[in-house]
Protein backbone atom coordinates (compact mmCIF):
# COMPACT_ATOMS: atom_id res chain seq x y z
CA UNK A 1 -8.92 -79.31 5.95
CA UNK A 2 -12.16 -80.92 6.96
CA UNK A 3 -13.90 -78.58 9.76
CA UNK A 4 -15.00 -82.24 11.83
CA UNK A 5 -14.90 -85.86 11.26
CA UNK A 6 -17.72 -87.76 10.92
CA UNK A 7 -19.99 -89.39 13.69
CA UNK A 8 -21.70 -92.32 14.47
CA UNK A 9 -24.79 -93.15 11.61
CA UNK A 10 -27.03 -93.60 15.44
CA UNK A 11 -25.81 -90.74 16.90
CA UNK A 12 -28.59 -87.90 17.13
CA UNK A 13 -25.99 -85.31 15.70
CA UNK A 14 -25.08 -86.84 12.74
CA UNK A 15 -28.97 -86.71 11.88
CA UNK A 16 -29.03 -83.15 12.24
CA UNK A 17 -25.70 -82.82 10.16
CA UNK A 18 -27.29 -84.85 6.87
CA UNK A 19 -30.40 -81.99 7.21
CA UNK A 20 -28.46 -78.89 7.82
CA UNK A 21 -26.32 -80.13 4.77
CA UNK A 22 -29.24 -81.00 2.48
CA UNK A 23 -31.01 -77.50 3.44
CA UNK A 24 -27.64 -75.86 2.15
CA UNK A 25 -28.00 -75.42 -1.52
CA UNK A 26 -31.54 -73.97 -1.36
CA UNK A 27 -30.38 -71.69 1.97
CA UNK A 28 -27.50 -70.61 -0.64
CA UNK A 29 -29.76 -70.06 -3.68
CA UNK A 30 -32.15 -67.50 -1.30
CA UNK A 31 -28.89 -65.66 -0.28
CA UNK A 32 -27.79 -64.97 -4.02
CA UNK A 33 -31.20 -64.13 -4.35
CA UNK A 34 -30.89 -61.22 -2.05
CA UNK A 35 -27.52 -60.73 -3.30
CA UNK A 36 -29.29 -59.81 -7.19
CA UNK A 37 -32.10 -58.23 -5.13
CA UNK A 38 -29.32 -55.64 -3.30
CA UNK A 39 -27.69 -54.95 -6.82
CA UNK A 40 -30.83 -54.02 -7.86
CA UNK A 41 -31.18 -51.88 -5.02
CA UNK A 42 -34.11 -53.09 -3.61
CA UNK A 43 -34.35 -51.29 0.18
CA UNK A 44 -35.43 -54.62 2.11
CA UNK A 45 -32.56 -56.44 0.56
CA UNK A 46 -29.59 -55.93 2.76
CA UNK A 47 -31.71 -56.32 5.92
CA UNK A 48 -32.50 -59.95 4.58
CA UNK A 49 -28.68 -60.93 4.01
CA UNK A 50 -28.31 -59.97 7.52
CA UNK A 51 -31.48 -62.92 8.50
CA UNK A 52 -30.27 -65.22 6.07
CA UNK A 53 -26.51 -65.45 7.44
CA UNK A 54 -27.69 -65.14 11.26
CA UNK A 55 -29.79 -68.57 10.30
CA UNK A 56 -26.89 -70.08 8.48
CA UNK A 57 -24.97 -69.58 11.11
CA UNK A 58 -27.42 -70.74 13.73
CA UNK A 59 -27.48 -68.49 17.23
CA UNK A 60 -25.46 -72.11 18.38
CA UNK A 61 -23.18 -72.81 15.59
CA UNK A 62 -24.15 -74.47 12.70
CA UNK A 63 -23.87 -78.18 13.54
CA UNK A 64 -20.70 -77.94 14.49
CA UNK A 65 -19.56 -76.89 11.19
CA UNK A 66 -17.15 -74.14 12.04
CA UNK A 67 -16.00 -72.73 8.10
CA UNK A 68 -20.06 -72.20 7.87
CA UNK A 69 -20.04 -70.21 11.11
CA UNK A 70 -17.23 -67.94 10.85
CA UNK A 71 -17.77 -67.12 6.90
CA UNK A 72 -21.75 -66.54 7.86
CA UNK A 73 -20.91 -64.45 11.25
CA UNK A 74 -18.64 -62.48 9.73
CA UNK A 75 -20.89 -61.14 6.45
CA UNK A 76 -23.68 -61.05 9.53
CA UNK A 77 -20.96 -58.39 11.44
CA UNK A 78 -20.27 -56.29 7.90
CA UNK A 79 -23.37 -55.85 7.24
CA UNK A 80 -24.46 -54.35 11.00
CA UNK A 81 -20.92 -52.40 11.07
CA UNK A 82 -21.20 -48.97 10.29
CA UNK A 83 -21.10 -47.68 7.40
CA UNK A 84 -23.91 -49.81 5.60
CA UNK A 85 -22.40 -51.68 2.48
CA UNK A 86 -22.99 -49.85 -0.67
CA UNK A 87 -23.77 -51.90 -3.97
CA UNK A 88 -20.24 -51.54 -4.42
CA UNK A 89 -19.42 -53.62 -2.24
CA UNK A 90 -21.75 -56.44 -3.20
CA UNK A 91 -18.87 -58.65 -4.28
CA UNK A 92 -17.84 -59.49 -0.39
CA UNK A 93 -21.49 -61.06 -0.62
CA UNK A 94 -20.91 -62.98 -3.90
CA UNK A 95 -17.42 -64.34 -2.83
CA UNK A 96 -18.62 -65.47 0.89
CA UNK A 97 -21.23 -67.65 -0.58
CA UNK A 98 -18.29 -69.52 -2.57
CA UNK A 99 -16.86 -69.47 0.15
CA UNK A 100 -20.44 -71.27 2.30
CA UNK A 101 -20.01 -73.60 -0.56
CA UNK A 102 -16.93 -75.21 -0.50
CA UNK A 103 -17.27 -75.42 3.63
CA UNK A 104 -20.66 -77.15 2.68
CA UNK A 105 -19.42 -79.25 0.08
CA UNK A 106 -16.73 -80.24 3.32
CA UNK A 107 -18.69 -80.94 5.61
CA UNK A 108 -20.83 -83.12 3.64
CA UNK A 109 -17.57 -84.93 3.18
CA UNK A 110 -17.31 -84.99 6.40
CA UNK A 111 -20.66 -86.67 7.28
CA UNK A 112 -20.35 -89.35 4.72
CA UNK A 113 -22.27 -87.78 2.22
CA UNK A 114 -21.50 -87.40 -1.51
CA UNK A 115 -21.40 -83.42 -2.44
CA UNK A 116 -24.22 -81.32 -2.30
CA UNK A 117 -23.35 -78.74 -4.40
CA UNK A 118 -22.68 -78.15 -8.25
CA UNK A 119 -23.71 -81.48 -8.70
CA UNK A 120 -27.28 -80.50 -10.34
CA UNK A 121 -26.38 -77.16 -12.71
CA UNK A 122 -30.09 -75.58 -11.88
CA UNK A 123 -30.65 -76.54 -8.24
CA UNK A 124 -31.44 -73.71 -6.21
CA UNK A 125 -33.33 -71.66 -9.63
CA UNK A 126 -37.57 -71.40 -8.47
CA UNK A 127 -39.83 -72.14 -11.49
CA UNK A 128 -43.17 -70.57 -10.83
CA UNK A 129 -45.55 -72.35 -12.17
CA UNK A 130 -49.34 -71.15 -13.41
CA UNK A 131 -52.06 -74.11 -13.22
CA UNK A 132 -54.69 -75.29 -12.20
CA UNK A 133 -54.92 -78.93 -9.71
CA UNK A 134 -53.68 -82.02 -12.34
CA UNK A 135 -52.25 -84.88 -12.88
CA UNK A 136 -50.63 -83.40 -15.43
CA UNK A 137 -49.25 -80.69 -13.36
CA UNK A 138 -47.96 -83.34 -10.70
CA UNK A 139 -46.42 -84.68 -12.66
CA UNK A 140 -44.75 -80.84 -14.18
CA UNK A 141 -43.19 -80.50 -10.04
CA UNK A 142 -41.72 -84.08 -10.09
CA UNK A 143 -39.78 -83.62 -13.09
CA UNK A 144 -38.88 -80.06 -12.56
CA UNK A 145 -38.03 -80.81 -8.97
CA UNK A 146 -36.04 -83.92 -10.33
CA UNK A 147 -33.47 -81.42 -12.08
CA UNK A 148 -32.76 -79.13 -9.39
CA UNK A 149 -35.93 -76.76 -9.42
CA UNK A 150 -37.77 -74.96 -6.43
CA UNK A 151 -41.32 -74.73 -8.01
CA UNK A 152 -43.80 -72.18 -6.44
CA UNK A 153 -47.52 -73.30 -8.05
CA UNK A 154 -50.21 -70.60 -8.25
CA UNK A 155 -53.44 -72.15 -9.63
CA UNK A 156 -53.95 -68.02 -10.19
CA UNK A 157 -53.01 -65.24 -12.17
CA UNK A 158 -49.22 -63.94 -10.26
CA UNK A 159 -48.45 -60.56 -11.67
CA UNK A 160 -45.12 -59.63 -12.41
CA UNK A 161 -44.75 -56.60 -10.63
CA UNK A 162 -46.10 -57.78 -7.14
CA UNK A 163 -43.16 -60.25 -7.15
CA UNK A 164 -40.30 -58.96 -5.11
CA UNK A 165 -36.91 -59.11 -6.60
CA UNK A 166 -35.71 -61.75 -4.31
CA UNK A 167 -38.45 -64.09 -4.98
CA UNK A 168 -38.17 -63.26 -8.47
CA UNK A 169 -38.49 -66.62 -10.63
CA UNK A 170 -36.04 -68.41 -13.29
CA UNK A 171 -38.76 -70.58 -15.30
CA UNK A 172 -41.91 -69.31 -16.04
CA UNK A 173 -44.39 -71.70 -16.25
CA UNK A 174 -47.90 -71.03 -17.63
CA UNK A 175 -50.77 -73.92 -18.31
CA UNK A 176 -53.40 -73.41 -20.72
CA UNK A 177 -56.20 -74.00 -18.22
CA UNK A 178 -55.39 -70.59 -15.85
CA UNK A 179 -58.07 -69.17 -15.19
CA UNK A 180 -56.90 -65.61 -16.80
CA UNK A 181 -56.67 -65.61 -20.82
CA UNK A 182 -52.72 -67.85 -20.70
CA UNK A 183 -51.48 -65.49 -23.63
CA UNK A 184 -52.51 -62.60 -22.51
CA UNK A 185 -50.77 -63.81 -18.90
CA UNK A 186 -47.44 -64.69 -20.98
CA UNK A 187 -47.34 -61.04 -22.32
CA UNK A 188 -46.78 -59.73 -18.75
CA UNK A 189 -44.13 -62.03 -17.73
CA UNK A 190 -42.83 -61.98 -21.42
CA UNK A 191 -41.78 -58.24 -21.44
CA UNK A 192 -38.62 -56.92 -22.37
CA UNK A 193 -37.68 -55.43 -19.02
CA UNK A 194 -34.50 -55.75 -16.87
CA UNK A 195 -36.03 -58.43 -14.47
CA UNK A 196 -37.89 -60.56 -17.25
CA UNK A 197 -37.06 -64.53 -16.34
CA UNK A 198 -35.01 -66.34 -18.29
CA UNK A 199 -37.65 -68.14 -20.12
CA UNK A 200 -41.68 -67.73 -20.25
CA UNK A 201 -42.50 -70.99 -20.93
CA UNK A 202 -46.57 -72.27 -22.25
CA UNK A 203 -47.55 -75.86 -20.73
CA UNK A 204 -50.07 -76.87 -23.34
CA UNK A 205 -50.86 -80.56 -22.51
CA UNK A 206 -54.44 -80.65 -24.67
CA UNK A 207 -52.83 -78.54 -27.48
CA UNK A 208 -54.77 -75.90 -28.03
CA UNK A 209 -53.32 -73.30 -28.99
CA UNK A 210 -50.89 -73.09 -32.91
CA UNK A 211 -47.52 -72.11 -32.94
CA UNK A 212 -48.48 -68.32 -34.96
CA UNK A 213 -50.44 -67.39 -31.35
CA UNK A 214 -47.69 -68.50 -29.12
CA UNK A 215 -45.32 -67.05 -30.92
CA UNK A 216 -47.17 -63.89 -31.02
CA UNK A 217 -47.01 -63.89 -27.14
CA UNK A 218 -43.16 -63.50 -26.78
CA UNK A 219 -43.31 -67.15 -25.40
CA UNK A 220 -39.52 -68.58 -25.29
CA UNK A 221 -41.06 -72.34 -25.61
CA UNK A 222 -44.62 -74.35 -26.24
CA UNK A 223 -44.86 -77.71 -24.61
CA UNK A 224 -47.55 -79.65 -26.32
CA UNK A 225 -48.72 -83.29 -25.22
CA UNK A 226 -45.90 -84.96 -26.26
CA UNK A 227 -43.36 -82.65 -24.92
CA UNK A 228 -44.63 -83.02 -21.47
CA UNK A 229 -43.67 -83.75 -18.68
CA UNK A 230 -40.31 -84.66 -19.98
CA UNK A 231 -39.15 -82.49 -22.56
CA UNK A 232 -39.77 -79.39 -20.21
CA UNK A 233 -37.68 -80.91 -17.51
CA UNK A 234 -34.63 -80.82 -20.05
CA UNK A 235 -35.68 -77.76 -21.16
CA UNK A 236 -35.05 -76.15 -17.88
CA UNK A 237 -31.52 -77.83 -17.59
CA UNK A 238 -30.57 -76.66 -20.23
CA UNK A 239 -31.53 -73.51 -19.15
CA UNK A 240 -29.43 -73.79 -16.04
CA UNK A 241 -26.71 -74.95 -17.89
CA UNK A 242 -26.36 -72.41 -20.79
CA UNK A 243 -29.38 -70.50 -20.93
CA UNK A 244 -32.60 -70.10 -23.23
CA UNK A 245 -32.60 -71.49 -26.29
CA UNK A 246 -33.14 -69.32 -29.11
CA UNK A 247 -37.44 -68.80 -29.59
CA UNK A 248 -37.10 -67.97 -32.86
CA UNK A 249 -34.55 -69.30 -35.88
CA UNK A 250 -34.32 -68.51 -39.33
CA UNK A 251 -33.92 -71.32 -41.95
CA UNK A 252 -33.07 -71.15 -45.31
CA UNK A 253 -33.68 -73.33 -47.83
CA UNK A 254 -34.59 -73.78 -51.13
CA UNK A 255 -36.62 -76.93 -50.59
CA UNK A 256 -39.64 -76.61 -49.43
CA UNK A 257 -40.11 -79.91 -47.99
CA UNK A 258 -36.40 -80.05 -46.49
CA UNK A 259 -37.15 -76.66 -45.10
CA UNK A 260 -40.73 -78.03 -43.39
CA UNK A 261 -38.46 -81.28 -41.70
CA UNK A 262 -35.99 -78.75 -40.22
CA UNK A 263 -38.39 -76.87 -38.38
CA UNK A 264 -40.48 -79.31 -36.98
């Protein structure tokens, strides 16, 4: 059963519903980040979850989508009702997010839009792009957004310890034109910690760095001039679908020429 009946195309309420539904992937992605932060014991995560559920429901309702309102208000009520949820109860929020996915897809059908969730595997994933302004950076941002990633752009160095758990990127892209040594920055981000990004890669549009230096920095991948922006966008989509490809592969081959062919 669906929540609402389609409205006339000229109805201003329909325009508001369309906008609300199109925002759904980003809103649910933020909820997932907060749930991850809550599981990690971040002290502000529960209050952030409450605020996000409150905004999702809307003070006057969710533009007529009753199921979205019901689920969101139920979660807000649970957070406000003592005793407060514990980390062991985090699954209730994950289940609620799945219910909201179904509710938004049903709502999209009601108002004549395609399903907004579950079609783009990376939708709602975060990319942190550290790169100076350039046409190459603009092309990277467009390509990553086209495969469903939310891109935060910084021109200077970002310390991984300064990023709250709820805002941790899934993919970190470091440009070789960074104001600091890009390989030193890569070592910070690729350190083996519990909250390491799923992939830390180098965008090297001028082919400055050789493979030995980049491998020593712990990078998961390097994209040179012949792989930007398309190759990086394809890598990001694969990351969302199946996880990061291995950074290093051992090739066992008696023929040196054949092994070099495989390596390249």
